[in-house]
Amino acid sequence: MAYFDSDYYFDDDYVVHDCLDADEFDKLWDGTCEMKYYMPTKSVIREHVAKRHDYDYKIPSEKEMDDFLAEYITDVRTLDDVQLEITHSCERLKNPAEVKKILENAGAPLGDTTFTERFERLYNTLRNNTHIWELRGFTPYQYQNETNETLPRFRLPKNKNR
């Protein structure tokens, strides 16, 4: 990937995405180096690289999440940023408080129970079907099959006034 895509670089013998700086990579590596890792087949890699710039929704609930957020966030630039941040938060197994901050900054109605319940449902589906860096590329479902460990269900932290 590092030879063909400028989003990747080499760190010793590892190919790393540029959204990680060296310190972040080292921390991620230290936390996962003893774990088995997910290795996609050549055909999956080829398909991913070939379609990288032709965005289509491949992860279950990704389009639903984008459409759902569009109901509440009317500014197009803010919406694009939030949609991308939410997708990346699944890939990096972000803390629910960090996800809540993303939504707060976008002006999402976190006090609305209907909003938060639907967001959590969509987020869990999206996260459960995303290959996660902290899980060495496994989806939570694959990780559970490999290790018999489950991830806790994603829940937004409660607002103090609800």
N, C-alpha and C. Protein backbone atom coordinates (compact mmCIF):
# COMPACT_ATOMS: atom_id res chain seq x y z
N MET A 1 0.83 -1.20 0.00
CA MET A 1 0.00 0.00 0.00
C MET A 1 0.87 1.26 0.00
N ALA A 2 1.95 1.24 0.74
CA ALA A 2 2.79 2.44 0.84
C ALA A 2 3.43 2.81 -0.49
N TYR A 3 3.65 1.84 -1.34
CA TYR A 3 4.21 2.12 -2.66
C TYR A 3 3.20 2.78 -3.59
N PHE A 4 1.91 2.47 -3.41
CA PHE A 4 0.89 2.88 -4.36
C PHE A 4 -0.03 3.99 -3.86
N ASP A 5 -0.05 4.24 -2.57
CA ASP A 5 -1.02 5.18 -2.03
C ASP A 5 -0.32 6.12 -1.06
N SER A 6 -0.41 7.41 -1.30
CA SER A 6 0.30 8.39 -0.48
C SER A 6 -0.28 8.52 0.92
N ASP A 7 -1.40 7.86 1.21
CA ASP A 7 -1.97 7.88 2.56
C ASP A 7 -1.23 6.94 3.51
N TYR A 8 -0.29 6.16 2.99
CA TYR A 8 0.42 5.17 3.80
C TYR A 8 1.91 5.47 3.80
N TYR A 9 2.59 5.03 4.86
CA TYR A 9 4.04 5.19 4.93
C TYR A 9 4.64 3.96 5.62
N PHE A 10 5.96 3.82 5.52
CA PHE A 10 6.66 2.72 6.17
C PHE A 10 7.17 3.16 7.53
N ASP A 11 7.04 2.32 8.54
CA ASP A 11 7.64 2.52 9.85
C ASP A 11 8.35 1.21 10.16
N ASP A 12 9.67 1.17 9.99
CA ASP A 12 10.45 -0.06 10.02
C ASP A 12 9.86 -1.02 8.99
N ASP A 13 9.39 -2.18 9.44
CA ASP A 13 8.84 -3.17 8.51
C ASP A 13 7.32 -3.07 8.37
N TYR A 14 6.71 -2.04 8.93
CA TYR A 14 5.25 -1.93 8.94
C TYR A 14 4.78 -0.86 7.97
N VAL A 15 3.63 -1.13 7.36
CA VAL A 15 2.96 -0.14 6.53
C VAL A 15 1.89 0.50 7.41
N VAL A 16 1.92 1.83 7.51
CA VAL A 16 1.06 2.55 8.45
C VAL A 16 0.27 3.62 7.70
N HIS A 17 -1.00 3.79 8.05
CA HIS A 17 -1.82 4.84 7.46
C HIS A 17 -1.40 6.18 8.07
N ASP A 18 -1.39 7.23 7.28
CA ASP A 18 -0.88 8.51 7.76
C ASP A 18 -1.78 9.21 8.77
N CYS A 19 -2.95 8.65 9.07
CA CYS A 19 -3.77 9.26 10.12
C CYS A 19 -3.18 8.95 11.50
N LEU A 20 -2.19 8.07 11.55
CA LEU A 20 -1.48 7.78 12.80
C LEU A 20 -0.11 8.43 12.76
N ASP A 21 0.24 9.17 13.81
CA ASP A 21 1.62 9.65 13.88
C ASP A 21 2.44 8.55 14.55
N ALA A 22 3.74 8.70 14.59
CA ALA A 22 4.62 7.64 15.07
C ALA A 22 4.30 7.22 16.51
N ASP A 23 4.04 8.18 17.39
CA ASP A 23 3.73 7.85 18.79
C ASP A 23 2.44 7.06 18.89
N GLU A 24 1.43 7.48 18.13
CA GLU A 24 0.15 6.79 18.14
C GLU A 24 0.30 5.37 17.60
N PHE A 25 1.11 5.22 16.56
CA PHE A 25 1.36 3.89 16.00
C PHE A 25 2.03 3.00 17.03
N ASP A 26 3.04 3.52 17.71
CA ASP A 26 3.75 2.72 18.72
C ASP A 26 2.80 2.28 19.83
N LYS A 27 1.93 3.16 20.28
CA LYS A 27 0.98 2.82 21.34
C LYS A 27 0.00 1.75 20.85
N LEU A 28 -0.51 1.92 19.63
CA LEU A 28 -1.43 0.93 19.06
C LEU A 28 -0.72 -0.41 18.91
N TRP A 29 0.52 -0.39 18.42
CA TRP A 29 1.29 -1.63 18.22
C TRP A 29 1.53 -2.33 19.56
N ASP A 30 1.92 -1.57 20.58
CA ASP A 30 2.18 -2.18 21.90
C ASP A 30 0.94 -2.86 22.45
N GLY A 31 -0.22 -2.30 22.20
CA GLY A 31 -1.47 -2.87 22.71
C GLY A 31 -1.99 -4.05 21.92
N THR A 32 -1.46 -4.27 20.72
CA THR A 32 -2.03 -5.32 19.87
C THR A 32 -1.01 -6.32 19.33
N CYS A 33 0.27 -6.15 19.63
CA CYS A 33 1.30 -6.97 18.96
C CYS A 33 1.20 -8.46 19.28
N GLU A 34 0.63 -8.84 20.40
CA GLU A 34 0.52 -10.25 20.75
C GLU A 34 -0.74 -10.90 20.18
N MET A 35 -1.61 -10.12 19.61
CA MET A 35 -2.90 -10.58 19.10
C MET A 35 -2.76 -11.15 17.70
N LYS A 36 -3.55 -12.18 17.37
CA LYS A 36 -3.62 -12.61 15.98
C LYS A 36 -4.18 -11.44 15.18
N TYR A 37 -3.97 -11.43 13.87
CA TYR A 37 -4.51 -10.34 13.07
C TYR A 37 -5.33 -10.87 11.90
N TYR A 38 -6.23 -10.03 11.47
CA TYR A 38 -7.09 -10.34 10.33
C TYR A 38 -6.30 -10.09 9.06
N MET A 39 -6.35 -11.03 8.13
CA MET A 39 -5.67 -10.84 6.85
C MET A 39 -6.68 -11.04 5.74
N PRO A 40 -7.03 -9.96 5.05
CA PRO A 40 -7.99 -10.11 3.95
C PRO A 40 -7.35 -10.88 2.79
N THR A 41 -8.19 -11.48 1.98
CA THR A 41 -7.70 -12.20 0.82
C THR A 41 -7.21 -11.20 -0.23
N LYS A 42 -6.45 -11.68 -1.19
CA LYS A 42 -5.96 -10.81 -2.27
C LYS A 42 -7.11 -10.17 -3.03
N SER A 43 -8.18 -10.92 -3.25
CA SER A 43 -9.30 -10.36 -4.01
C SER A 43 -9.98 -9.23 -3.24
N VAL A 44 -10.07 -9.36 -1.91
CA VAL A 44 -10.66 -8.28 -1.09
C VAL A 44 -9.78 -7.04 -1.16
N ILE A 45 -8.47 -7.22 -1.07
CA ILE A 45 -7.55 -6.08 -1.15
C ILE A 45 -7.65 -5.42 -2.52
N ARG A 46 -7.64 -6.22 -3.58
CA ARG A 46 -7.74 -5.68 -4.94
C ARG A 46 -9.02 -4.87 -5.11
N GLU A 47 -10.12 -5.42 -4.62
CA GLU A 47 -11.41 -4.73 -4.75
C GLU A 47 -11.39 -3.42 -3.98
N HIS A 48 -10.82 -3.43 -2.78
CA HIS A 48 -10.77 -2.23 -1.96
C HIS A 48 -9.95 -1.14 -2.63
N VAL A 49 -8.79 -1.49 -3.14
CA VAL A 49 -7.92 -0.50 -3.79
C VAL A 49 -8.55 0.01 -5.07
N ALA A 50 -9.16 -0.87 -5.85
CA ALA A 50 -9.78 -0.47 -7.12
C ALA A 50 -10.93 0.49 -6.90
N LYS A 51 -11.69 0.31 -5.84
CA LYS A 51 -12.88 1.14 -5.61
C LYS A 51 -12.63 2.23 -4.58
N ARG A 52 -11.40 2.43 -4.17
CA ARG A 52 -11.09 3.37 -3.10
C ARG A 52 -11.64 4.77 -3.34
N HIS A 53 -11.59 5.25 -4.56
CA HIS A 53 -12.02 6.62 -4.83
C HIS A 53 -13.45 6.69 -5.37
N ASP A 54 -14.05 5.56 -5.67
CA ASP A 54 -15.46 5.52 -6.08
C ASP A 54 -16.27 5.14 -4.85
N TYR A 55 -16.64 6.16 -4.06
CA TYR A 55 -17.27 5.88 -2.77
C TYR A 55 -18.62 5.22 -2.96
N ASP A 56 -18.75 4.08 -2.35
CA ASP A 56 -20.05 3.43 -2.25
C ASP A 56 -20.14 2.87 -0.84
N TYR A 57 -21.35 2.59 -0.42
CA TYR A 57 -21.56 2.13 0.95
C TYR A 57 -21.40 0.62 1.00
N LYS A 58 -20.33 0.16 1.64
CA LYS A 58 -20.07 -1.26 1.73
C LYS A 58 -20.39 -1.82 3.10
N ILE A 59 -20.38 -0.99 4.12
CA ILE A 59 -20.59 -1.45 5.48
C ILE A 59 -22.07 -1.33 5.83
N PRO A 60 -22.69 -2.41 6.33
CA PRO A 60 -24.10 -2.32 6.71
C PRO A 60 -24.34 -1.16 7.67
N SER A 61 -25.36 -0.40 7.41
CA SER A 61 -25.84 0.75 8.18
C SER A 61 -25.04 2.03 7.94
N GLU A 62 -24.01 2.01 7.10
CA GLU A 62 -23.24 3.22 6.82
C GLU A 62 -24.11 4.27 6.13
N LYS A 63 -24.85 3.86 5.12
CA LYS A 63 -25.73 4.81 4.42
C LYS A 63 -26.86 5.26 5.35
N GLU A 64 -27.41 4.33 6.12
CA GLU A 64 -28.47 4.70 7.06
C GLU A 64 -27.96 5.75 8.05
N MET A 65 -26.72 5.56 8.55
CA MET A 65 -26.15 6.52 9.49
C MET A 65 -25.99 7.88 8.82
N ASP A 66 -25.46 7.90 7.61
CA ASP A 66 -25.28 9.17 6.89
C ASP A 66 -26.62 9.87 6.67
N ASP A 67 -27.63 9.11 6.24
CA ASP A 67 -28.97 9.68 6.02
C ASP A 67 -29.58 10.18 7.33
N PHE A 68 -29.39 9.42 8.39
CA PHE A 68 -29.91 9.80 9.70
C PHE A 68 -29.29 11.12 10.17
N LEU A 69 -27.97 11.22 10.08
CA LEU A 69 -27.30 12.45 10.50
C LEU A 69 -27.73 13.65 9.66
N ALA A 70 -28.01 13.41 8.38
CA ALA A 70 -28.44 14.48 7.48
C ALA A 70 -29.80 15.04 7.90
N GLU A 71 -30.60 14.25 8.61
CA GLU A 71 -31.89 14.75 9.11
C GLU A 71 -31.72 15.82 10.18
N TYR A 72 -30.59 15.79 10.88
CA TYR A 72 -30.38 16.67 12.03
C TYR A 72 -29.31 17.73 11.81
N ILE A 73 -28.40 17.49 10.88
CA ILE A 73 -27.30 18.44 10.64
C ILE A 73 -27.50 19.02 9.24
N THR A 74 -27.85 20.30 9.18
CA THR A 74 -28.23 20.90 7.90
C THR A 74 -27.05 21.52 7.15
N ASP A 75 -26.00 21.92 7.86
CA ASP A 75 -24.85 22.51 7.19
C ASP A 75 -24.06 21.40 6.49
N VAL A 76 -23.90 21.51 5.18
CA VAL A 76 -23.31 20.44 4.37
C VAL A 76 -21.87 20.15 4.78
N ARG A 77 -21.08 21.18 5.02
CA ARG A 77 -19.67 20.96 5.40
C ARG A 77 -19.57 20.28 6.76
N THR A 78 -20.39 20.74 7.70
CA THR A 78 -20.40 20.11 9.03
C THR A 78 -20.84 18.66 8.91
N LEU A 79 -21.88 18.42 8.11
CA LEU A 79 -22.39 17.06 7.92
C LEU A 79 -21.31 16.15 7.35
N ASP A 80 -20.60 16.60 6.31
CA ASP A 80 -19.53 15.80 5.72
C ASP A 80 -18.46 15.46 6.76
N ASP A 81 -18.08 16.47 7.56
CA ASP A 81 -17.06 16.25 8.59
C ASP A 81 -17.53 15.24 9.63
N VAL A 82 -18.77 15.38 10.08
CA VAL A 82 -19.31 14.48 11.11
C VAL A 82 -19.43 13.06 10.57
N GLN A 83 -19.91 12.92 9.34
CA GLN A 83 -20.03 11.58 8.75
C GLN A 83 -18.67 10.90 8.69
N LEU A 84 -17.65 11.63 8.28
CA LEU A 84 -16.30 11.07 8.20
C LEU A 84 -15.76 10.74 9.59
N GLU A 85 -15.96 11.64 10.54
CA GLU A 85 -15.47 11.40 11.91
C GLU A 85 -16.15 10.20 12.55
N ILE A 86 -17.43 10.03 12.29
CA ILE A 86 -18.16 8.88 12.85
C ILE A 86 -17.61 7.59 12.26
N THR A 87 -17.40 7.56 10.95
CA THR A 87 -16.84 6.37 10.31
C THR A 87 -15.46 6.06 10.88
N HIS A 88 -14.60 7.09 11.01
CA HIS A 88 -13.26 6.88 11.56
C HIS A 88 -13.31 6.47 13.02
N SER A 89 -14.30 6.95 13.76
CA SER A 89 -14.39 6.57 15.17
C SER A 89 -14.67 5.07 15.31
N CYS A 90 -15.40 4.50 14.36
CA CYS A 90 -15.63 3.05 14.38
C CYS A 90 -14.34 2.30 14.06
N GLU A 91 -13.59 2.79 13.10
CA GLU A 91 -12.34 2.14 12.70
C GLU A 91 -11.31 2.15 13.83
N ARG A 92 -11.37 3.16 14.68
CA ARG A 92 -10.39 3.31 15.75
C ARG A 92 -10.95 2.96 17.12
N LEU A 93 -12.15 2.46 17.21
CA LEU A 93 -12.76 2.05 18.48
C LEU A 93 -12.71 3.19 19.50
N LYS A 94 -13.21 4.34 19.06
CA LYS A 94 -13.17 5.54 19.91
C LYS A 94 -14.04 5.37 21.15
N ASN A 95 -13.65 6.06 22.17
CA ASN A 95 -14.39 6.12 23.42
C ASN A 95 -15.73 6.82 23.16
N PRO A 96 -16.84 6.33 23.75
CA PRO A 96 -18.14 6.98 23.54
C PRO A 96 -18.15 8.47 23.87
N ALA A 97 -17.34 8.91 24.85
CA ALA A 97 -17.29 10.34 25.18
C ALA A 97 -16.73 11.15 24.02
N GLU A 98 -15.78 10.57 23.26
CA GLU A 98 -15.23 11.26 22.10
C GLU A 98 -16.27 11.37 20.99
N VAL A 99 -17.05 10.31 20.81
CA VAL A 99 -18.12 10.33 19.80
C VAL A 99 -19.18 11.36 20.20
N LYS A 100 -19.51 11.39 21.48
CA LYS A 100 -20.48 12.37 21.97
C LYS A 100 -20.00 13.80 21.68
N LYS A 101 -18.71 14.04 21.87
CA LYS A 101 -18.13 15.38 21.62
C LYS A 101 -18.27 15.75 20.14
N ILE A 102 -18.06 14.78 19.23
CA ILE A 102 -18.24 15.02 17.80
C ILE A 102 -19.67 15.49 17.53
N LEU A 103 -20.63 14.78 18.13
CA LEU A 103 -22.04 15.13 17.92
C LEU A 103 -22.40 16.47 18.56
N GLU A 104 -21.88 16.73 19.74
CA GLU A 104 -22.12 18.02 20.41
C GLU A 104 -21.62 19.17 19.56
N ASN A 105 -20.40 19.03 19.04
CA ASN A 105 -19.80 20.09 18.22
C ASN A 105 -20.60 20.35 16.95
N ALA A 106 -21.32 19.33 16.48
CA ALA A 106 -22.13 19.49 15.27
C ALA A 106 -23.54 19.99 15.59
N GLY A 107 -23.86 20.11 16.86
CA GLY A 107 -25.18 20.59 17.24
C GLY A 107 -26.27 19.53 17.20
N ALA A 108 -25.89 18.27 17.32
CA ALA A 108 -26.88 17.19 17.31
C ALA A 108 -27.72 17.25 18.59
N PRO A 109 -28.98 16.88 18.52
CA PRO A 109 -29.88 16.98 19.68
C PRO A 109 -29.70 15.82 20.66
N LEU A 110 -28.63 15.86 21.44
CA LEU A 110 -28.32 14.76 22.34
C LEU A 110 -29.32 14.62 23.49
N GLY A 111 -30.11 15.64 23.74
CA GLY A 111 -31.14 15.55 24.77
C GLY A 111 -32.39 14.83 24.29
N ASP A 112 -32.48 14.57 23.01
CA ASP A 112 -33.64 13.89 22.41
C ASP A 112 -33.40 12.38 22.46
N THR A 113 -34.20 11.69 23.28
CA THR A 113 -34.05 10.25 23.47
C THR A 113 -34.20 9.49 22.15
N THR A 114 -35.11 9.92 21.30
CA THR A 114 -35.30 9.25 20.00
C THR A 114 -34.02 9.33 19.18
N PHE A 115 -33.38 10.50 19.17
CA PHE A 115 -32.13 10.66 18.44
C PHE A 115 -31.06 9.74 19.00
N THR A 116 -30.84 9.79 20.32
CA THR A 116 -29.73 9.02 20.90
C THR A 116 -29.94 7.52 20.75
N GLU A 117 -31.16 7.04 20.93
CA GLU A 117 -31.41 5.60 20.79
C GLU A 117 -31.18 5.13 19.36
N ARG A 118 -31.66 5.90 18.39
CA ARG A 118 -31.46 5.50 17.00
C ARG A 118 -29.98 5.61 16.61
N PHE A 119 -29.31 6.67 17.07
CA PHE A 119 -27.88 6.82 16.78
C PHE A 119 -27.10 5.63 17.35
N GLU A 120 -27.37 5.27 18.60
CA GLU A 120 -26.65 4.14 19.22
C GLU A 120 -26.89 2.84 18.45
N ARG A 121 -28.13 2.60 18.03
CA ARG A 121 -28.44 1.39 17.26
C ARG A 121 -27.67 1.36 15.95
N LEU A 122 -27.70 2.48 15.21
CA LEU A 122 -26.97 2.55 13.94
C LEU A 122 -25.47 2.45 14.16
N TYR A 123 -24.98 3.10 15.19
CA TYR A 123 -23.54 3.10 15.48
C TYR A 123 -23.06 1.68 15.81
N ASN A 124 -23.83 0.96 16.62
CA ASN A 124 -23.46 -0.41 16.96
C ASN A 124 -23.42 -1.30 15.73
N THR A 125 -24.39 -1.15 14.84
CA THR A 125 -24.38 -1.94 13.61
C THR A 125 -23.18 -1.57 12.75
N LEU A 126 -22.92 -0.29 12.61
CA LEU A 126 -21.78 0.18 11.82
C LEU A 126 -20.46 -0.32 12.42
N ARG A 127 -20.29 -0.15 13.71
CA ARG A 127 -19.05 -0.58 14.38
C ARG A 127 -18.87 -2.10 14.28
N ASN A 128 -19.95 -2.85 14.45
CA ASN A 128 -19.85 -4.31 14.43
C ASN A 128 -19.47 -4.85 13.06
N ASN A 129 -19.59 -4.05 12.02
CA ASN A 129 -19.26 -4.48 10.66
C ASN A 129 -18.03 -3.78 10.10
N THR A 130 -17.29 -3.09 10.97
CA THR A 130 -16.10 -2.34 10.56
C THR A 130 -14.85 -3.07 11.03
N HIS A 131 -13.84 -3.13 10.18
CA HIS A 131 -12.55 -3.70 10.58
C HIS A 131 -11.85 -2.66 11.45
N ILE A 132 -11.53 -3.04 12.68
CA ILE A 132 -11.06 -2.10 13.69
C ILE A 132 -9.57 -2.26 13.95
N TRP A 133 -8.86 -1.14 13.94
CA TRP A 133 -7.41 -1.16 14.10
C TRP A 133 -7.00 -1.79 15.42
N GLU A 134 -7.67 -1.41 16.52
CA GLU A 134 -7.31 -1.93 17.84
C GLU A 134 -7.57 -3.43 17.96
N LEU A 135 -8.35 -3.98 17.05
CA LEU A 135 -8.62 -5.42 17.03
C LEU A 135 -7.79 -6.12 15.95
N ARG A 136 -6.72 -5.45 15.50
CA ARG A 136 -5.83 -5.96 14.46
C ARG A 136 -6.58 -6.27 13.17
N GLY A 137 -7.57 -5.46 12.86
CA GLY A 137 -8.26 -5.59 11.59
C GLY A 137 -9.50 -6.47 11.62
N PHE A 138 -9.75 -7.13 12.73
CA PHE A 138 -10.97 -7.93 12.83
C PHE A 138 -12.18 -7.01 13.03
N THR A 139 -13.34 -7.45 12.57
CA THR A 139 -14.58 -6.81 13.00
C THR A 139 -14.87 -7.33 14.40
N PRO A 140 -15.71 -6.66 15.19
CA PRO A 140 -16.04 -7.20 16.52
C PRO A 140 -16.58 -8.64 16.46
N TYR A 141 -17.37 -8.94 15.44
CA TYR A 141 -17.91 -10.29 15.29
C TYR A 141 -16.77 -11.30 15.07
N GLN A 142 -15.84 -10.99 14.17
CA GLN A 142 -14.70 -11.87 13.91
C GLN A 142 -13.82 -12.00 15.16
N TYR A 143 -13.63 -10.88 15.84
CA TYR A 143 -12.83 -10.87 17.07
C TYR A 143 -13.44 -11.79 18.12
N GLN A 144 -14.74 -11.73 18.27
CA GLN A 144 -15.44 -12.59 19.23
C GLN A 144 -15.24 -14.06 18.86
N ASN A 145 -15.32 -14.39 17.58
CA ASN A 145 -15.12 -15.77 17.15
C ASN A 145 -13.69 -16.24 17.40
N GLU A 146 -12.72 -15.34 17.26
CA GLU A 146 -11.31 -15.69 17.47
C GLU A 146 -10.94 -15.80 18.94
N THR A 147 -11.51 -14.93 19.78
CA THR A 147 -11.05 -14.82 21.17
C THR A 147 -12.09 -15.19 22.22
N ASN A 148 -13.33 -15.35 21.82
CA ASN A 148 -14.45 -15.56 22.76
C ASN A 148 -14.66 -14.38 23.69
N GLU A 149 -14.15 -13.21 23.33
CA GLU A 149 -14.37 -11.97 24.08
C GLU A 149 -15.31 -11.09 23.28
N THR A 150 -16.18 -10.37 23.96
CA THR A 150 -17.08 -9.46 23.26
C THR A 150 -16.77 -8.03 23.68
N LEU A 151 -17.04 -7.12 22.77
CA LEU A 151 -16.91 -5.70 23.08
C LEU A 151 -18.20 -5.24 23.75
N PRO A 152 -18.08 -4.32 24.69
CA PRO A 152 -19.31 -3.79 25.28
C PRO A 152 -20.12 -3.03 24.22
N ARG A 153 -21.42 -3.06 24.37
CA ARG A 153 -22.31 -2.33 23.47
C ARG A 153 -21.99 -0.84 23.57
N PHE A 154 -21.98 -0.15 22.43
CA PHE A 154 -21.72 1.29 22.41
C PHE A 154 -22.92 2.03 22.99
N ARG A 155 -22.67 2.90 23.93
CA ARG A 155 -23.71 3.77 24.49
C ARG A 155 -23.11 5.16 24.68
N LEU A 156 -23.87 6.17 24.26
CA LEU A 156 -23.43 7.55 24.50
C LEU A 156 -23.54 7.84 25.99
N PRO A 157 -22.57 8.56 26.54
CA PRO A 157 -22.69 8.96 27.94
C PRO A 157 -23.93 9.82 28.13
N LYS A 158 -24.58 9.66 29.25
CA LYS A 158 -25.82 10.40 29.55
C LYS A 158 -25.51 11.88 29.75
N ASN A 159 -26.44 12.72 29.28
CA ASN A 159 -26.36 14.15 29.60
C ASN A 159 -26.76 14.32 31.05
N LYS A 160 -26.21 15.30 31.70
CA LYS A 160 -26.53 15.53 33.10
C LYS A 160 -28.00 15.88 33.32
N ASN A 161 -28.64 16.48 32.27
CA ASN A 161 -30.03 16.91 32.42
C ASN A 161 -31.04 15.87 31.93
N ARG A 162 -30.61 14.65 31.55
CA ARG A 162 -31.59 13.64 31.18
C ARG A 162 -31.64 12.50 32.12
